[in-house]
Amino acid sequence: MSTELSKTLNEIGIKAKAASAILNTASSDQKNKFFDFAIEAIQENADAILEANQIDIKAAESNQKDEAFIDRLALDKNRLKEICDTLLEIKSFQDPVGRELASWNRPNGLNISRVSTPLGVIGLIFESRPNVAADAGGLCLKSGNAVILRSGKDGLRSATAIVNSLQDALIRSELPKECIQIVPSESREAATMMLEGLNGSIDVIVPRGGKSLVAEVERSAKIPVFGHLEGICHIYVDEYADQEKALTVCLNAKMRRTGICGAVETILVNQQIISSFIPRLIDKLIDRGCEIRACNNTLNIDPRAVPASEEDWSTEYLAPIVSVKSVSSIDEAIDHIENFGTGHTESIISENKDNQSTFTKSIDSAIVMINASTQFADGGEFGLGGEIGIATGKFHARGPVGVNQLTSFKYIVKGDGHVRD
C-alpha cells in the first residue's frame, strides 16, 4: 500500500472522528439547516453533477457494463429532484439523538434512563449508485454520525460532485465539512483500510452493492458490519389469490427495475391455479422482454419458458429474468423460501387471512409482505427517508437502515449521593 494513500485515509479518519464529536452536540435546528442548504447546493450545481455523471456513464458503456448497471448509475433532472425530495423528508423527521427510550426508578432511589446516541463514524462502501452518497450523507447527518464514503470507480465522479454540494451545505450551516467525506481514490487498498477501521476511526461499515462486494466486506471487516449478501426475493401466489392483482404485482415486482435488490427473482405458484394463471403471467412477462426459467410442471402448462436448473433457484439475476415454480401448498412454498431465500424480502399474494398469517409468521426474512410488490423494500417507501442499506442480519438493525437504526444508546443513572453496600 502506498504511503501517500495510507496518509490520506488516516487523515480522513481523524477528521471524521473530530467532526463526529462536534456533530454529537449539534442542535436539531443546526442539523436541519444543513438540509435546506444541501437542497439549494444540489440545485445550483445540477449541471456539474449531471456532467460528471455523463462522463461516468460513457466510461461504463465503454467498459461494456450491462443495462441494469447503467440504470443504477444514471442521474437525470428527475433523479436529482428525487434526491432533494429525500433530503427534505429526512429533515422532517424527529431528531433521533438524545431521545429517552426508557426510564425507571430503582427501590434504592436511583433513576435509570436509556438514551439514544449516534454510532459515531460510519464507513459506507458502495458501487454504482451515486444517489447513495446523498442518502447516506443525509441520514448520517440527521442521526449525528459522520460518514466516510468509498464509491466504486464507475460512479466516483458523480458521487464526488454530490459530496461537494453536501460539503458546501455543511460549511454554510457552520458544521465541519468533514462530517461527510468521500475517498478520492479508486484503489481497492482504500476499501481494505476502511474495513480495518482506519486505526479506530470507523465504528461501523455498511456495504451497498452486489454479492461479491458484500461477501468480501463481511469476510474481511475487522469492525461491525450492516449488510446483506443477496436479495433473492420471492412471491408466492396461492390458490386464494386475486389473479388480476397477482399479475399486476408480479409484473411490477420483476420489471419495474430489474437491477435493484428488491426485484423478485422467483415466483412460486400454487399448482391448483397454474393452468389459469401461468399462461397469463408468461404472456405479460414476455411482452416486457423477460426470460422465464421454469420447473417441469410450469413447462407442461406453457412451453415458452426455458427449463430451470437447480442453480436458478439460488440466483439473484438483477436482470429481466425470473424463475417460476409450481408448489403443492403454502408449506412447500415456505420450505422453498427457507432453502433458497437470503432473508431479504418475500411476499404472498392471497385473499385468505389464515394463509397470510401462516406466511408472515413462518417466513424469517427482514421484510415480509402481503399483496404487495417486493419493490417496496426500500427505506423511502417505508417512510424512513431513504436508507443507508437493507440489513438482513439480526444484530442491531434489520431491514431498511434509516435514521433511528443509525443510533445506539447509553444509560444515564441519576443518584443523590448513592453508594453501594
Protein backbone atom coordinates (compact mmCIF):
# COMPACT_ATOMS: atom_id res chain seq x y z
CA MET A 1 0.00 0.00 0.00
CA SER A 2 1.32 3.42 -0.94
CA THR A 3 2.45 5.67 1.89
CA GLU A 4 0.53 8.58 0.34
CA LEU A 5 -2.79 6.68 0.23
CA SER A 6 -2.33 5.47 3.78
CA LYS A 7 -1.63 9.00 4.96
CA THR A 8 -4.68 10.37 3.11
CA LEU A 9 -7.03 7.74 4.53
CA ASN A 10 -5.79 8.15 8.07
CA GLU A 11 -6.25 11.92 7.83
CA ILE A 12 -9.81 11.37 6.59
CA GLY A 13 -10.45 9.11 9.56
CA ILE A 14 -9.02 11.55 12.10
CA LYS A 15 -11.07 14.41 10.67
CA ALA A 16 -14.22 12.29 10.63
CA LYS A 17 -13.72 11.39 14.30
CA ALA A 18 -13.29 15.05 15.22
CA ALA A 19 -16.32 16.05 13.16
CA SER A 20 -18.35 13.30 14.82
CA ALA A 21 -17.60 14.74 18.26
CA ILE A 22 -18.84 18.18 17.17
CA LEU A 23 -21.89 16.75 15.39
CA ASN A 24 -22.81 14.77 18.51
CA THR A 25 -23.61 18.02 20.30
CA ALA A 26 -25.14 19.90 17.35
CA SER A 27 -28.70 21.12 17.83
CA SER A 28 -31.62 19.85 15.78
CA ASP A 29 -32.04 23.30 14.25
CA GLN A 30 -28.41 23.40 13.13
CA LYS A 31 -28.67 19.95 11.55
CA ASN A 32 -31.92 20.89 9.82
CA LYS A 33 -30.33 23.99 8.29
CA PHE A 34 -27.92 21.64 6.54
CA PHE A 35 -30.78 20.04 4.60
CA ASP A 36 -32.06 23.37 3.30
CA PHE A 37 -28.57 24.36 2.17
CA ALA A 38 -27.91 20.88 0.69
CA ILE A 39 -31.02 21.05 -1.49
CA GLU A 40 -30.03 24.53 -2.66
CA ALA A 41 -26.47 23.41 -3.42
CA ILE A 42 -27.58 20.37 -5.42
CA GLN A 43 -29.98 22.51 -7.42
CA GLU A 44 -27.30 25.15 -8.02
CA ASN A 45 -24.72 22.52 -9.03
CA ALA A 46 -27.09 20.32 -11.04
CA ASP A 47 -25.29 20.89 -14.34
CA ALA A 48 -21.90 19.97 -12.86
CA ILE A 49 -23.34 16.83 -11.22
CA LEU A 50 -25.03 15.69 -14.43
CA GLU A 51 -21.91 16.44 -16.47
CA ALA A 52 -19.83 14.29 -14.13
CA ASN A 53 -22.47 11.57 -14.38
CA GLN A 54 -22.34 11.58 -18.19
CA ILE A 55 -18.59 11.03 -18.05
CA ASP A 56 -19.16 8.09 -15.68
CA ILE A 57 -21.85 6.63 -17.95
CA LYS A 58 -19.71 6.85 -21.07
CA ALA A 59 -16.83 5.16 -19.25
CA ALA A 60 -19.15 2.41 -18.00
CA GLU A 61 -20.53 1.85 -21.50
CA SER A 62 -17.01 1.62 -22.92
CA ASN A 63 -16.30 -0.99 -20.23
CA GLN A 64 -19.33 -2.93 -21.51
CA LYS A 65 -21.39 -2.63 -18.35
CA ASP A 66 -24.91 -4.04 -18.74
CA GLU A 67 -28.19 -2.14 -18.89
CA ALA A 68 -29.10 -2.73 -15.24
CA PHE A 69 -25.71 -1.39 -14.15
CA ILE A 70 -26.12 1.75 -16.28
CA ASP A 71 -29.61 2.28 -14.85
CA ARG A 72 -28.28 2.23 -11.29
CA LEU A 73 -25.50 4.63 -12.26
CA ALA A 74 -27.55 7.14 -14.27
CA LEU A 75 -28.72 10.51 -12.98
CA ASP A 76 -31.05 12.99 -14.65
CA LYS A 77 -33.01 16.03 -13.53
CA ASN A 78 -35.84 13.87 -12.22
CA ARG A 79 -33.47 11.71 -10.16
CA LEU A 80 -31.80 14.83 -8.77
CA LYS A 81 -35.25 16.04 -7.75
CA GLU A 82 -35.83 12.68 -6.04
CA ILE A 83 -32.53 13.15 -4.17
CA CYS A 84 -33.69 16.59 -2.98
CA ASP A 85 -37.12 15.22 -2.02
CA THR A 86 -35.43 12.52 0.06
CA LEU A 87 -33.26 15.09 1.84
CA LEU A 88 -36.35 17.18 2.58
CA GLU A 89 -38.11 14.13 4.02
CA ILE A 90 -35.13 13.26 6.22
CA LYS A 91 -35.14 16.84 7.52
CA SER A 92 -38.77 16.45 8.58
CA PHE A 93 -38.03 13.51 10.90
CA GLN A 94 -37.72 13.90 14.63
CA ASP A 95 -34.10 14.12 15.73
CA PRO A 96 -33.24 10.56 16.81
CA VAL A 97 -30.37 11.66 19.05
CA GLY A 98 -30.97 12.21 22.75
CA ARG A 99 -34.39 10.55 22.84
CA GLU A 100 -35.29 8.92 26.14
CA LEU A 101 -36.07 5.35 25.11
CA ALA A 102 -36.99 4.15 28.59
CA SER A 103 -36.81 5.32 32.18
CA TRP A 104 -37.39 3.63 35.53
CA ASN A 105 -36.75 4.08 39.24
CA ARG A 106 -35.00 1.54 41.43
CA PRO A 107 -36.11 0.76 45.01
CA ASN A 108 -32.95 2.43 46.32
CA GLY A 109 -33.95 5.74 44.68
CA LEU A 110 -31.70 5.60 41.62
CA ASN A 111 -33.26 6.75 38.35
CA ILE A 112 -32.05 4.93 35.24
CA SER A 113 -32.81 6.04 31.69
CA ARG A 114 -31.80 4.70 28.31
CA VAL A 115 -31.00 7.48 25.82
CA SER A 116 -30.26 7.24 22.10
CA THR A 117 -26.80 8.20 20.87
CA PRO A 118 -25.06 8.31 17.46
CA LEU A 119 -22.96 5.34 16.39
CA GLY A 120 -20.02 7.64 15.65
CA VAL A 121 -18.28 7.36 12.27
CA ILE A 122 -19.86 5.20 9.58
CA GLY A 123 -17.90 3.87 6.62
CA LEU A 124 -20.01 3.24 3.52
CA ILE A 125 -18.56 1.21 0.66
CA PHE A 126 -20.87 1.28 -2.35
CA GLU A 127 -20.90 0.59 -6.04
CA SER A 128 -22.60 2.34 -8.92
CA ARG A 129 -25.47 4.31 -7.36
CA PRO A 130 -24.35 7.93 -6.81
CA ASN A 131 -27.66 8.82 -5.12
CA VAL A 132 -26.42 6.66 -2.23
CA ALA A 133 -23.93 9.42 -1.43
CA ALA A 134 -26.76 11.88 -0.82
CA ASP A 135 -28.98 9.40 1.03
CA ALA A 136 -26.14 8.29 3.30
CA GLY A 137 -24.92 11.82 3.88
CA GLY A 138 -28.37 13.00 4.90
CA LEU A 139 -29.23 10.01 7.08
CA CYS A 140 -25.89 10.06 8.87
CA LEU A 141 -26.02 13.81 9.44
CA LYS A 142 -29.55 13.65 10.87
CA SER A 143 -28.57 10.81 13.21
CA GLY A 144 -25.46 12.64 14.41
CA ASN A 145 -22.93 10.44 12.63
CA ALA A 146 -20.00 11.41 10.45
CA VAL A 147 -19.67 9.31 7.28
CA ILE A 148 -16.77 8.28 5.06
CA LEU A 149 -17.92 7.25 1.59
CA ARG A 150 -15.98 4.98 -0.72
CA SER A 151 -17.58 4.86 -4.17
CA GLY A 152 -16.88 2.26 -6.82
CA LYS A 153 -14.75 3.65 -9.63
CA ASP A 154 -17.66 3.65 -12.10
CA GLY A 155 -19.58 6.29 -10.15
CA LEU A 156 -16.78 8.14 -8.38
CA ARG A 157 -17.08 11.36 -10.41
CA SER A 158 -20.84 11.55 -9.86
CA ALA A 159 -20.65 10.77 -6.15
CA THR A 160 -17.82 13.28 -5.64
CA ALA A 161 -19.86 16.02 -7.33
CA ILE A 162 -22.76 15.30 -4.98
CA VAL A 163 -20.50 15.24 -1.91
CA ASN A 164 -19.02 18.60 -2.95
CA SER A 165 -22.53 20.06 -2.76
CA LEU A 166 -23.15 18.45 0.62
CA GLN A 167 -19.89 19.85 1.97
CA ASP A 168 -20.86 23.32 0.74
CA ALA A 169 -24.06 22.93 2.75
CA LEU A 170 -22.14 21.83 5.85
CA ILE A 171 -19.94 24.91 5.69
CA ARG A 172 -22.98 27.18 5.25
CA SER A 173 -24.67 25.55 8.25
CA GLU A 174 -21.49 26.05 10.35
CA LEU A 175 -20.76 22.36 10.71
CA PRO A 176 -17.41 20.71 9.85
CA LYS A 177 -17.32 19.78 6.18
CA GLU A 178 -15.60 16.57 7.30
CA CYS A 179 -18.96 15.29 8.59
CA ILE A 180 -19.37 13.92 5.05
CA GLN A 181 -16.23 12.84 3.18
CA ILE A 182 -15.54 10.73 0.11
CA VAL A 183 -12.37 8.76 -0.50
CA PRO A 184 -10.65 10.33 -3.54
CA SER A 185 -9.26 7.03 -4.83
CA GLU A 186 -10.39 4.08 -6.93
CA SER A 187 -7.87 1.81 -5.23
CA ARG A 188 -9.10 -1.39 -3.61
CA GLU A 189 -6.49 -0.75 -0.95
CA ALA A 190 -8.63 2.17 0.25
CA ALA A 191 -11.52 -0.21 0.89
CA THR A 192 -9.18 -2.58 2.72
CA MET A 193 -8.04 0.19 5.04
CA MET A 194 -11.65 1.13 5.78
CA LEU A 195 -12.50 -2.48 6.60
CA GLU A 196 -9.71 -2.39 9.17
CA GLY A 197 -11.29 0.69 10.76
CA LEU A 198 -8.74 3.38 9.86
CA ASN A 199 -6.89 2.95 13.16
CA GLY A 200 -10.09 3.04 15.20
CA SER A 201 -11.74 5.95 13.41
CA ILE A 202 -14.63 3.99 11.83
CA ASP A 203 -17.23 2.41 14.11
CA VAL A 204 -19.47 0.60 11.59
CA ILE A 205 -19.10 -0.46 7.95
CA VAL A 206 -22.06 -0.55 5.57
CA PRO A 207 -21.66 -2.21 2.14
CA ARG A 208 -24.04 -1.27 -0.68
CA GLY A 209 -23.65 -3.35 -3.83
CA GLY A 210 -23.62 -6.81 -5.31
CA LYS A 211 -22.97 -10.18 -3.75
CA SER A 212 -19.21 -10.17 -4.30
CA LEU A 213 -18.75 -6.75 -2.67
CA VAL A 214 -20.88 -7.55 0.38
CA ALA A 215 -19.31 -11.00 0.79
CA GLU A 216 -15.82 -9.50 0.71
CA VAL A 217 -16.78 -6.83 3.25
CA GLU A 218 -18.36 -9.33 5.64
CA ARG A 219 -15.39 -11.69 5.27
CA SER A 220 -12.66 -9.10 5.71
CA ALA A 221 -14.06 -6.44 8.05
CA LYS A 222 -12.50 -6.13 11.49
CA ILE A 223 -15.31 -3.87 12.72
CA PRO A 224 -19.12 -4.35 12.86
CA VAL A 225 -20.97 -4.57 9.52
CA PHE A 226 -24.54 -3.85 8.41
CA GLY A 227 -25.06 -5.87 5.26
CA HIS A 228 -26.83 -8.44 3.17
CA LEU A 229 -25.29 -10.83 0.66
CA GLU A 230 -28.09 -11.04 -1.87
CA GLY A 231 -31.68 -10.08 -2.50
CA ILE A 232 -33.19 -13.34 -3.73
CA CYS A 233 -36.77 -12.21 -3.23
CA HIS A 234 -39.83 -14.46 -3.66
CA ILE A 235 -43.52 -14.05 -4.37
CA TYR A 236 -45.89 -16.89 -3.52
CA VAL A 237 -49.20 -16.78 -5.41
CA ASP A 238 -51.58 -19.08 -3.58
CA GLU A 239 -54.85 -20.71 -4.68
CA TYR A 240 -56.86 -17.96 -2.99
CA ALA A 241 -55.14 -15.13 -4.86
CA ASP A 242 -57.00 -12.49 -6.82
CA GLN A 243 -55.32 -13.36 -10.12
CA GLU A 244 -55.64 -9.88 -11.62
CA LYS A 245 -54.00 -8.45 -8.55
CA ALA A 246 -51.33 -11.17 -8.66
CA LEU A 247 -50.48 -10.44 -12.30
CA THR A 248 -50.07 -6.74 -11.63
CA VAL A 249 -47.93 -7.29 -8.54
CA CYS A 250 -45.68 -9.94 -10.12
CA LEU A 251 -45.06 -7.83 -13.23
CA ASN A 252 -44.18 -4.77 -11.16
CA ALA A 253 -42.01 -6.76 -8.75
CA LYS A 254 -39.89 -8.12 -11.60
CA MET A 255 -39.91 -5.45 -14.29
CA ARG A 256 -40.24 -2.03 -12.64
CA ARG A 257 -36.48 -2.01 -12.06
CA THR A 258 -34.77 -5.33 -12.55
CA GLY A 259 -31.40 -4.29 -11.14
CA ILE A 260 -32.37 -3.47 -7.55
CA CYS A 261 -32.17 -5.82 -4.57
CA GLY A 262 -35.95 -5.71 -4.06
CA ALA A 263 -36.73 -7.12 -7.52
CA VAL A 264 -38.43 -10.52 -7.33
CA GLU A 265 -36.27 -13.37 -8.62
CA THR A 266 -38.55 -16.40 -8.05
CA ILE A 267 -42.33 -16.64 -8.37
CA LEU A 268 -43.94 -19.64 -6.66
CA VAL A 269 -47.45 -20.55 -7.87
CA ASN A 270 -49.85 -22.96 -6.18
CA GLN A 271 -50.45 -25.89 -8.51
CA GLN A 272 -54.23 -25.54 -8.20
CA ILE A 273 -54.15 -22.36 -10.30
CA ILE A 274 -51.20 -22.92 -12.63
CA SER A 275 -53.36 -23.78 -15.67
CA SER A 276 -55.27 -20.49 -15.41
CA PHE A 277 -52.52 -18.24 -14.06
CA ILE A 278 -49.22 -19.33 -15.60
CA PRO A 279 -50.03 -18.61 -19.30
CA ARG A 280 -51.28 -15.13 -18.43
CA LEU A 281 -48.22 -14.43 -16.28
CA ILE A 282 -45.85 -15.60 -19.02
CA ASP A 283 -47.74 -13.50 -21.61
CA LYS A 284 -47.18 -10.33 -19.59
CA LEU A 285 -43.55 -11.08 -18.76
CA ILE A 286 -42.61 -11.96 -22.34
CA ASP A 287 -44.35 -8.81 -23.60
CA ARG A 288 -41.97 -6.84 -21.35
CA GLY A 289 -38.90 -8.72 -22.58
CA CYS A 290 -38.45 -11.02 -19.58
CA GLU A 291 -36.98 -14.51 -19.86
CA ILE A 292 -38.75 -17.21 -17.82
CA ARG A 293 -36.89 -20.20 -16.36
CA ALA A 294 -39.38 -22.74 -15.13
CA CYS A 295 -39.93 -26.09 -13.42
CA ASN A 296 -41.27 -29.07 -15.37
CA ASN A 297 -44.86 -28.56 -14.22
CA THR A 298 -44.78 -24.99 -15.50
CA LEU A 299 -43.22 -26.07 -18.80
CA ASN A 300 -46.04 -28.61 -19.28
CA ILE A 301 -48.52 -25.75 -18.97
CA ASP A 302 -46.60 -23.29 -21.14
CA PRO A 303 -43.53 -24.36 -23.18
CA ARG A 304 -42.47 -20.77 -23.90
CA ALA A 305 -40.39 -20.86 -20.73
CA VAL A 306 -36.96 -22.50 -20.65
CA PRO A 307 -36.07 -25.26 -18.17
CA ALA A 308 -34.75 -24.02 -14.84
CA SER A 309 -31.60 -25.55 -13.40
CA GLU A 310 -31.07 -26.12 -9.69
CA GLU A 311 -28.78 -23.09 -9.72
CA ASP A 312 -31.61 -20.82 -10.87
CA TRP A 313 -33.42 -21.11 -7.54
CA SER A 314 -30.41 -19.57 -5.77
CA THR A 315 -29.57 -16.89 -8.34
CA GLU A 316 -30.05 -13.14 -7.94
CA TYR A 317 -30.48 -12.22 -11.61
CA LEU A 318 -30.65 -8.40 -11.32
CA ALA A 319 -31.82 -8.64 -14.93
CA PRO A 320 -35.05 -9.31 -16.89
CA ILE A 321 -35.01 -13.00 -15.95
CA VAL A 322 -37.29 -14.73 -13.47
CA SER A 323 -37.64 -18.29 -12.26
CA VAL A 324 -41.13 -19.78 -11.87
CA LYS A 325 -42.04 -22.89 -9.91
CA SER A 326 -45.30 -24.60 -9.05
CA VAL A 327 -45.75 -25.75 -5.46
CA SER A 328 -48.35 -28.06 -3.95
CA SER A 329 -49.08 -25.96 -0.87
CA ILE A 330 -48.14 -22.96 1.22
CA ASP A 331 -45.93 -25.28 3.27
CA GLU A 332 -43.91 -26.21 0.17
CA ALA A 333 -43.62 -22.52 -0.73
CA ILE A 334 -42.31 -21.73 2.75
CA ASP A 335 -39.84 -24.64 2.58
CA HIS A 336 -38.55 -23.41 -0.79
CA ILE A 337 -38.02 -19.90 0.58
CA GLU A 338 -36.25 -21.24 3.66
CA ASN A 339 -33.92 -23.29 1.45
CA PHE A 340 -33.13 -20.66 -1.19
CA GLY A 341 -34.02 -17.28 0.30
CA THR A 342 -31.47 -14.79 1.62
CA GLY A 343 -33.56 -13.20 4.35
CA HIS A 344 -34.34 -10.06 2.32
CA THR A 345 -37.97 -9.74 1.14
CA GLU A 346 -40.80 -12.20 0.47
CA SER A 347 -44.43 -11.59 -0.48
CA ILE A 348 -47.63 -13.64 -0.52
CA ILE A 349 -50.49 -12.89 -2.89
CA SER A 350 -53.62 -14.24 -1.24
CA GLU A 351 -57.06 -13.22 -0.06
CA ASN A 352 -57.03 -15.94 2.61
CA LYS A 353 -56.34 -14.40 6.03
CA ASP A 354 -55.18 -17.69 7.56
CA ASN A 355 -52.63 -18.21 4.78
CA GLN A 356 -51.46 -14.63 5.09
CA SER A 357 -50.90 -15.16 8.82
CA THR A 358 -49.15 -18.50 8.31
CA PHE A 359 -46.81 -16.95 5.74
CA THR A 360 -45.87 -13.89 7.81
CA LYS A 361 -45.29 -15.95 10.96
CA SER A 362 -43.27 -18.67 9.20
CA ILE A 363 -41.01 -16.59 6.96
CA ASP A 364 -37.92 -15.32 8.78
CA SER A 365 -36.88 -12.55 6.40
CA ALA A 366 -36.21 -8.90 7.18
CA ILE A 367 -39.30 -7.86 5.19
CA VAL A 368 -42.47 -9.92 4.64
CA MET A 369 -45.29 -8.52 2.51
CA ILE A 370 -48.95 -9.30 1.80
CA ASN A 371 -50.43 -8.50 -1.61
CA ALA A 372 -47.67 -6.02 -2.40
CA SER A 373 -44.72 -5.79 -4.79
CA THR A 374 -41.31 -6.63 -3.38
CA GLN A 375 -40.08 -3.39 -4.97
CA PHE A 376 -41.48 -1.59 -1.91
CA ALA A 377 -38.46 -2.96 0.00
CA ASP A 378 -36.98 0.49 0.28
CA GLY A 379 -36.42 2.86 3.17
CA GLY A 380 -38.03 5.75 1.31
CA GLU A 381 -41.17 3.72 0.69
CA PHE A 382 -41.24 2.77 4.38
CA GLY A 383 -41.28 6.47 5.26
CA LEU A 384 -37.73 6.32 6.59
CA GLY A 385 -36.44 9.00 4.22
CA GLY A 386 -34.32 6.61 2.21
CA GLU A 387 -31.91 4.10 3.64
CA ILE A 388 -28.22 3.56 4.09
CA GLY A 389 -28.82 -0.09 3.26
CA ILE A 390 -31.06 -3.07 3.98
CA ALA A 391 -29.72 -5.28 6.74
CA THR A 392 -30.66 -8.96 6.63
CA GLY A 393 -28.82 -9.97 9.77
CA LYS A 394 -30.33 -9.95 13.24
CA PHE A 395 -27.73 -7.84 15.01
CA HIS A 396 -28.69 -4.26 15.97
CA ALA A 397 -30.66 -3.34 12.83
CA ARG A 398 -32.80 -5.33 10.40
CA GLY A 399 -34.49 -4.27 7.17
CA PRO A 400 -34.11 -0.71 5.85
CA VAL A 401 -31.49 1.12 7.92
CA GLY A 402 -32.78 4.67 8.44
CA VAL A 403 -32.07 7.43 10.96
CA ASN A 404 -33.31 5.54 14.02
CA GLN A 405 -31.32 2.42 13.10
CA LEU A 406 -28.16 4.54 12.90
CA THR A 407 -28.22 5.17 16.64
CA SER A 408 -27.16 3.18 19.67
CA PHE A 409 -27.91 4.08 23.29
CA LYS A 410 -26.35 4.72 26.64
CA TYR A 411 -27.66 4.51 30.19
CA ILE A 412 -27.85 7.60 32.37
CA VAL A 413 -28.02 6.85 36.09
CA LYS A 414 -29.11 9.65 38.47
CA GLY A 415 -28.48 9.41 42.19
CA ASP A 416 -28.25 11.64 45.24
CA GLY A 417 -25.03 10.64 46.91
CA HIS A 418 -25.81 6.96 46.46
CA VAL A 419 -23.19 4.38 47.49
CA ARG A 420 -23.46 0.62 47.12
CA ASP A 421 -23.38 -1.63 50.17
